[in-house]
């Protein structure tokens, strides 16, 4: 059940956030990790909306996927950055630190928003080995921010069957705007292959139990993609069998930043972004709600293997304390003065001041 829900989430987020049908790159692992933490903090309808999107079993699936073999490099961080002005629920903290790379730290959101942003970006930069150095842009953190939940991920694995570098050469790639030559790798090897329901599926095994799966439609991608759901996607992913393949594959270098707020709204997660949100599972203090959900994913495939990094940050804010500019009152002309009992209004003294001493 966890995998079905996960694949449904993969397709839902990609469709909602991919926009104009151009290049897209997401880390469902990172997005699910961050949103599952938010769901643990949520109650009532706020929780219901998140759980309807995430489905069941995300936590168990993500924990299991955090373990790879020794010949692949995987780093995962789940971090709560919190202001010292809010109290964090003990049960939430216990759940957080039990997760892969789970930790909590403080950040000076109210007093130094720019410094808080630098702390978070530096931590993500370290986890992602420099591939995501500036997750949070200017303005993402402000004086009303009180917490940020961040999931960061780094993965690197070499192919079990590397592509010969000398075989890489420009070849036509038929984009919607017309064909253009791109650096293309070539491999003749026995790998996973299937021709299933109008899709060619190729599985490229990498070290440490990691694999890349290529889904090549026989028709226009947008039309074929519209017919996918979680169960059918799982069928495609499970379909390859070992077969000798002559593969031509473009080298890939993607770096995509996505504001997930609109996508989550379209997927039914709405109350989370309003003052009606119930995040008391994180903190019982002044009401918190989500200000923004930012995501960045980087993915590279070359002759030797794959390298990817991603991070998802959920900024939580509280109600602004409106501090108006002070009204200037200069008592420099005659005035009346009353000294009275505040509760009853009884006047102790009444004065008309025309020539103060």
Protein backbone atom coordinates (compact mmCIF):
# COMPACT_ATOMS: atom_id res chain seq x y z
CA UNK A 1 0.00 0.00 0.00
CA UNK A 2 2.84 2.39 0.78
CA UNK A 3 4.30 2.04 -2.74
CA UNK A 4 0.92 2.57 -4.42
CA UNK A 5 0.42 5.78 -2.43
CA UNK A 6 3.97 6.89 -3.16
CA UNK A 7 3.60 6.42 -6.91
CA UNK A 8 0.26 8.23 -6.87
CA UNK A 9 2.05 11.10 -5.11
CA UNK A 10 4.83 11.00 -7.74
CA UNK A 11 2.35 11.44 -10.57
CA UNK A 12 0.13 13.94 -8.74
CA UNK A 13 2.95 16.32 -7.88
CA UNK A 14 4.56 16.04 -11.30
CA UNK A 15 1.29 16.82 -13.09
CA UNK A 16 0.34 19.64 -10.75
CA UNK A 17 3.74 21.31 -10.71
CA UNK A 18 5.27 20.54 -14.12
CA UNK A 19 3.56 23.54 -15.70
CA UNK A 20 3.99 24.01 -19.45
CA UNK A 21 5.02 20.46 -20.28
CA UNK A 22 8.73 21.33 -20.49
CA UNK A 23 11.54 19.84 -18.44
CA UNK A 24 10.63 18.97 -14.87
CA UNK A 25 12.63 17.44 -12.07
CA UNK A 26 11.39 16.59 -8.58
CA UNK A 27 12.40 14.41 -5.68
CA UNK A 28 9.23 12.66 -4.50
CA UNK A 29 11.37 11.22 -1.70
CA UNK A 30 12.26 14.69 -0.43
CA UNK A 31 8.77 16.14 -0.93
CA UNK A 32 7.11 13.18 0.80
CA UNK A 33 9.65 13.35 3.63
CA UNK A 34 8.98 17.03 4.30
CA UNK A 35 5.19 16.78 3.96
CA UNK A 36 5.02 13.67 6.13
CA UNK A 37 6.73 15.62 8.91
CA UNK A 38 4.22 18.44 8.47
CA UNK A 39 1.41 15.89 8.58
CA UNK A 40 2.77 14.61 11.91
CA UNK A 41 2.46 18.16 13.23
CA UNK A 42 -1.03 18.68 11.84
CA UNK A 43 -4.41 17.94 13.39
CA UNK A 44 -8.03 18.07 12.30
CA UNK A 45 -8.85 19.07 8.74
CA UNK A 46 -5.27 20.24 8.17
CA UNK A 47 -4.09 16.68 8.80
CA UNK A 48 -6.90 15.17 6.72
CA UNK A 49 -5.95 17.18 3.64
CA UNK A 50 -2.30 16.18 3.90
CA UNK A 51 -3.08 12.52 4.55
CA UNK A 52 -5.42 12.43 1.55
CA UNK A 53 -2.46 13.48 -0.61
CA UNK A 54 0.23 11.36 1.04
CA UNK A 55 -1.78 8.18 1.53
CA UNK A 56 -0.63 5.45 3.88
CA UNK A 57 2.80 4.04 4.56
CA UNK A 58 5.00 6.92 3.39
CA UNK A 59 7.09 6.96 6.57
CA UNK A 60 7.92 3.25 6.47
CA UNK A 61 8.74 3.40 2.75
CA UNK A 62 11.05 6.40 3.18
CA UNK A 63 12.87 4.80 6.11
CA UNK A 64 13.48 1.62 4.13
CA UNK A 65 14.73 3.58 1.09
CA UNK A 66 17.26 5.42 3.26
CA UNK A 67 19.36 2.24 3.31
CA UNK A 68 21.52 1.57 0.24
CA UNK A 69 24.49 -0.66 -0.37
CA UNK A 70 28.05 0.36 0.42
CA UNK A 71 28.88 1.14 -3.21
CA UNK A 72 26.31 3.94 -3.44
CA UNK A 73 26.41 7.20 -1.51
CA UNK A 74 23.19 8.40 0.09
CA UNK A 75 22.74 11.23 2.57
CA UNK A 76 19.37 12.22 4.03
CA UNK A 77 18.66 15.04 6.48
CA UNK A 78 15.35 15.89 8.15
CA UNK A 79 15.83 19.13 10.06
CA UNK A 80 13.54 21.32 12.11
CA UNK A 81 14.81 24.88 12.37
CA UNK A 82 12.83 26.66 15.08
CA UNK A 83 12.78 30.06 16.72
CA UNK A 84 13.57 30.14 20.43
CA UNK A 85 10.28 32.04 20.77
CA UNK A 86 8.17 28.89 20.31
CA UNK A 87 7.88 25.68 22.32
CA UNK A 88 8.35 22.45 20.39
CA UNK A 89 6.21 19.45 21.29
CA UNK A 90 8.29 16.63 22.85
CA UNK A 91 6.50 13.88 20.92
CA UNK A 92 7.16 15.66 17.63
CA UNK A 93 10.85 16.00 18.49
CA UNK A 94 11.06 12.31 19.36
CA UNK A 95 9.49 11.40 16.01
CA UNK A 96 11.84 13.75 14.17
CA UNK A 97 15.10 12.46 15.65
CA UNK A 98 14.03 8.86 14.99
CA UNK A 99 13.96 9.57 11.24
CA UNK A 100 16.99 9.28 8.94
CA UNK A 101 19.20 12.30 9.59
CA UNK A 102 16.63 13.75 11.98
CA UNK A 103 17.72 16.74 14.05
CA UNK A 104 16.49 20.03 15.48
CA UNK A 105 18.27 23.36 15.73
CA UNK A 106 17.46 26.99 16.44
CA UNK A 107 17.55 29.88 14.00
CA UNK A 108 17.16 33.63 14.63
CA UNK A 109 14.05 34.05 12.47
CA UNK A 110 12.62 37.05 14.34
CA UNK A 111 15.84 38.95 15.01
CA UNK A 112 17.96 38.08 11.97
CA UNK A 113 15.92 36.56 9.10
CA UNK A 114 18.84 36.85 6.69
CA UNK A 115 21.12 35.01 9.10
CA UNK A 116 18.50 32.27 9.55
CA UNK A 117 18.28 31.87 5.79
CA UNK A 118 22.06 31.55 5.55
CA UNK A 119 22.12 28.87 8.28
CA UNK A 120 19.49 26.77 6.51
CA UNK A 121 21.05 27.18 3.07
CA UNK A 122 24.49 26.25 4.40
CA UNK A 123 23.13 23.09 6.00
CA UNK A 124 21.36 22.05 2.78
CA UNK A 125 24.53 22.87 0.82
CA UNK A 126 26.52 20.46 3.01
CA UNK A 127 23.99 17.64 2.77
CA UNK A 128 23.65 17.96 -1.01
CA UNK A 129 27.44 18.18 -1.60
CA UNK A 130 27.11 21.65 -3.09
CA UNK A 131 24.45 20.78 -5.67
CA UNK A 132 21.75 22.83 -3.89
CA UNK A 133 23.67 25.77 -2.42
CA UNK A 134 20.82 28.33 -2.25
CA UNK A 135 17.53 26.56 -1.64
CA UNK A 136 15.91 29.56 0.05
CA UNK A 137 16.00 32.76 -2.05
CA UNK A 138 15.95 36.28 -0.66
CA UNK A 139 12.68 36.96 1.12
CA UNK A 140 11.82 33.31 1.82
CA UNK A 141 12.52 33.93 5.51
CA UNK A 142 11.10 37.00 7.26
CA UNK A 143 10.57 38.31 10.79
CA UNK A 144 7.25 36.43 11.17
CA UNK A 145 8.80 33.04 10.28
CA UNK A 146 8.93 30.80 13.32
CA UNK A 147 10.00 27.41 11.96
CA UNK A 148 11.27 25.68 8.84
CA UNK A 149 11.06 21.94 8.19
CA UNK A 150 13.69 20.87 5.68
CA UNK A 151 14.30 17.54 3.97
CA UNK A 152 17.55 17.29 2.00
CA UNK A 153 18.83 14.38 -0.06
CA UNK A 154 22.00 13.43 -1.92
CA UNK A 155 22.52 10.28 -3.99
CA UNK A 156 25.44 9.13 -6.08
CA UNK A 157 25.86 5.71 -7.67
CA UNK A 158 27.95 4.33 -10.52
CA UNK A 159 26.45 2.19 -13.26
CA UNK A 160 26.99 -1.53 -13.04
CA UNK A 161 27.48 -1.31 -16.83
CA UNK A 162 29.13 2.05 -17.59
CA UNK A 163 28.65 3.64 -20.99
CA UNK A 164 31.87 3.75 -23.07
CA UNK A 165 32.91 7.38 -23.07
CA UNK A 166 34.40 7.15 -26.55
CA UNK A 167 30.98 6.20 -27.91
CA UNK A 168 29.32 9.42 -26.76
CA UNK A 169 28.56 11.70 -29.71
CA UNK A 170 25.99 14.30 -30.79
CA UNK A 171 22.74 12.80 -32.06
CA UNK A 172 19.29 14.23 -32.87
CA UNK A 173 16.75 14.56 -30.05
CA UNK A 174 13.20 15.29 -31.22
CA UNK A 175 11.95 18.00 -28.87
CA UNK A 176 8.50 19.62 -29.40
CA UNK A 177 10.24 22.60 -31.01
CA UNK A 178 12.03 20.40 -33.51
CA UNK A 179 15.07 18.09 -33.55
CA UNK A 180 18.38 19.25 -32.16
CA UNK A 181 21.70 17.50 -31.60
CA UNK A 182 22.55 16.61 -28.00
CA UNK A 183 25.42 14.60 -26.44
CA UNK A 184 24.19 11.02 -26.56
CA UNK A 185 25.62 7.96 -24.82
CA UNK A 186 25.55 4.46 -26.33
CA UNK A 187 25.54 1.09 -24.62
CA UNK A 188 25.10 -2.51 -25.78
CA UNK A 189 24.38 -4.61 -22.71
CA UNK A 190 21.98 -7.09 -21.12
CA UNK A 191 19.72 -5.00 -18.90
CA UNK A 192 16.05 -4.89 -17.95
CA UNK A 193 13.70 -4.32 -20.87
CA UNK A 194 9.96 -4.46 -21.58
CA UNK A 195 7.57 -3.34 -24.30
CA UNK A 196 4.40 -2.84 -22.30
CA UNK A 197 1.12 -1.16 -23.25
CA UNK A 198 2.71 1.31 -25.64
CA UNK A 199 5.79 2.04 -23.50
CA UNK A 200 9.37 0.83 -23.88
CA UNK A 201 10.88 0.37 -20.44
CA UNK A 202 14.63 0.09 -19.79
CA UNK A 203 16.14 -0.51 -16.36
CA UNK A 204 19.75 0.53 -15.82
CA UNK A 205 21.17 -1.05 -12.66
CA UNK A 206 23.53 1.04 -10.55
CA UNK A 207 25.64 0.18 -7.53
CA UNK A 208 24.18 -0.16 -4.05
CA UNK A 209 20.74 -1.36 -5.10
CA UNK A 210 19.92 1.83 -7.02
CA UNK A 211 18.50 1.76 -10.54
CA UNK A 212 17.37 4.18 -13.23
CA UNK A 213 14.23 3.34 -15.19
CA UNK A 214 13.57 4.94 -18.59
CA UNK A 215 9.96 5.05 -19.79
CA UNK A 216 9.79 5.83 -23.51
CA UNK A 217 6.25 6.24 -24.93
CA UNK A 218 5.37 5.19 -28.43
CA UNK A 219 3.25 8.33 -28.84
CA UNK A 220 3.41 11.95 -27.69
CA UNK A 221 4.63 12.06 -24.09
CA UNK A 222 1.89 14.36 -22.83
CA UNK A 223 -0.84 12.11 -24.23
CA UNK A 224 0.75 8.92 -22.92
CA UNK A 225 1.50 10.44 -19.51
CA UNK A 226 -2.17 11.37 -19.06
CA UNK A 227 -3.03 7.68 -18.93
CA UNK A 228 -0.72 6.87 -16.05
CA UNK A 229 -1.88 6.22 -12.52
CA UNK A 230 0.00 4.76 -9.57
CA UNK A 231 -1.02 1.15 -10.25
CA UNK A 232 -0.21 1.31 -13.97
CA UNK A 233 3.09 3.04 -13.27
CA UNK A 234 4.03 0.26 -10.86
CA UNK A 235 3.12 -2.30 -13.56
CA UNK A 236 5.49 -0.56 -15.97
CA UNK A 237 8.29 -0.30 -13.43
CA UNK A 238 7.98 -3.99 -12.55
CA UNK A 239 7.73 -5.22 -16.16
CA UNK A 240 11.36 -5.33 -17.43
CA UNK A 241 13.11 -8.66 -17.91
CA UNK A 242 16.74 -9.19 -18.78
CA UNK A 243 17.46 -8.73 -22.45
CA UNK A 244 20.31 -7.49 -24.59
CA UNK A 245 19.64 -3.87 -25.50
CA UNK A 246 21.34 -1.38 -27.79
CA UNK A 247 20.61 1.83 -25.92
CA UNK A 248 21.11 5.42 -27.03
CA UNK A 249 20.50 7.83 -24.14
CA UNK A 250 21.13 11.58 -23.90
CA UNK A 251 23.36 12.78 -21.13
CA UNK A 252 21.17 14.50 -18.57
CA UNK A 253 21.79 17.59 -16.46
CA UNK A 254 18.68 19.07 -14.82
CA UNK A 255 18.42 21.72 -12.13
CA UNK A 256 14.84 22.76 -11.40
CA UNK A 257 13.46 24.99 -8.62
CA UNK A 258 9.73 24.75 -7.90
CA UNK A 259 7.35 26.68 -5.68
CA UNK A 260 5.06 23.86 -4.55
CA UNK A 261 2.33 26.08 -3.05
CA UNK A 262 0.15 26.23 -6.21
CA UNK A 263 0.55 22.50 -6.85
CA UNK A 264 -0.45 21.62 -3.29
CA UNK A 265 -3.48 23.90 -3.54
CA UNK A 266 -4.54 22.10 -6.72
CA UNK A 267 -4.10 18.77 -4.95
CA UNK A 268 -6.44 19.76 -2.13
CA UNK A 269 -3.97 20.93 0.54
CA UNK A 270 -5.41 24.34 1.35
CA UNK A 271 -6.05 24.90 5.05
CA UNK A 272 -2.34 24.42 5.74
CA UNK A 273 -1.67 27.80 4.12
CA UNK A 274 -4.23 29.75 6.18
CA UNK A 275 -4.40 31.00 9.77
CA UNK A 276 -6.98 28.22 10.33
CA UNK A 277 -4.23 25.60 10.06
CA UNK A 278 -3.84 23.36 13.09
CA UNK A 279 -0.14 22.62 13.61
CA UNK A 280 -0.36 22.22 17.38
CA UNK A 281 1.36 18.85 17.05
CA UNK A 282 4.52 20.86 16.41
CA UNK A 283 4.00 23.70 18.87
CA UNK A 284 1.16 24.68 21.22
CA UNK A 285 2.18 28.33 21.04
CA UNK A 286 0.68 31.10 18.90
CA UNK A 287 -1.01 29.72 15.77
CA UNK A 288 1.39 28.58 13.05
CA UNK A 289 0.59 28.08 9.39
CA UNK A 290 2.65 27.40 6.28
CA UNK A 291 4.01 30.40 4.42
CA UNK A 292 5.69 28.55 1.53
CA UNK A 293 6.90 25.14 0.36
CA UNK A 294 10.02 25.41 -1.81
CA UNK A 295 11.68 22.55 -3.67
CA UNK A 296 14.80 22.19 -5.78
CA UNK A 297 16.05 19.07 -7.52
CA UNK A 298 19.27 18.41 -9.43
CA UNK A 299 19.83 15.26 -11.49
CA UNK A 300 22.80 14.27 -13.63
CA UNK A 301 23.34 11.13 -15.71
CA UNK A 302 26.59 10.55 -17.54
CA UNK A 303 28.70 7.63 -18.76
CA UNK A 304 29.83 6.65 -15.26
CA UNK A 305 26.62 6.84 -13.28
CA UNK A 306 24.05 9.11 -11.72
CA UNK A 307 24.19 11.90 -9.16
CA UNK A 308 21.23 13.71 -7.71
CA UNK A 309 20.35 16.10 -4.92
CA UNK A 310 17.16 17.70 -3.72
CA UNK A 311 15.74 19.69 -0.85
CA UNK A 312 12.28 20.69 0.29
CA UNK A 313 11.70 23.47 2.81
CA UNK A 314 8.41 24.21 4.53
CA UNK A 315 8.35 27.68 6.10
CA UNK A 316 5.95 28.22 8.99
CA UNK A 317 4.91 31.64 10.19
CA UNK A 318 2.82 33.26 12.86
CA UNK A 319 0.53 36.30 12.93
CA UNK A 320 2.28 39.59 12.43
CA UNK A 321 2.32 41.92 15.37
CA UNK A 322 1.38 45.19 13.71
CA UNK A 323 3.74 47.86 14.96
CA UNK A 324 2.46 51.20 13.71
CA UNK A 325 4.61 54.26 13.41
CA UNK A 326 4.34 56.29 16.65
CA UNK A 327 1.98 59.23 16.66
CA UNK A 328 3.88 62.39 17.51
CA UNK A 329 2.33 64.46 20.32
CA UNK A 330 4.19 67.59 21.38
CA UNK A 331 2.59 69.27 24.40
CA UNK A 332 3.78 72.84 23.70
CA UNK A 333 0.56 74.85 24.16
CA UNK A 334 -2.15 75.15 26.85
CA UNK A 335 -3.92 71.89 27.71
CA UNK A 336 -6.30 70.27 30.18
CA UNK A 337 -5.20 67.62 32.64
CA UNK A 338 -7.29 65.21 34.65
CA UNK A 339 -6.05 62.86 37.32
CA UNK A 340 -8.65 60.19 37.95
CA UNK A 341 -9.42 56.76 39.30
CA UNK A 342 -9.20 54.50 36.28
CA UNK A 343 -11.81 51.92 37.31
CA UNK A 344 -14.58 54.33 38.35
CA UNK A 345 -13.66 57.48 36.47
CA UNK A 346 -13.77 59.61 39.62
CA UNK A 347 -11.61 62.66 39.04
CA UNK A 348 -9.04 63.36 41.71
CA UNK A 349 -7.70 66.52 40.11
CA UNK A 350 -8.67 68.70 37.20
CA UNK A 351 -6.27 71.26 35.75
CA UNK A 352 -6.04 73.77 32.98
CA UNK A 353 -2.40 74.30 32.22
CA UNK A 354 -1.59 77.59 30.51
CA UNK A 355 1.76 78.59 32.03
CA UNK A 356 3.57 75.44 33.25
CA UNK A 357 6.48 76.02 35.66
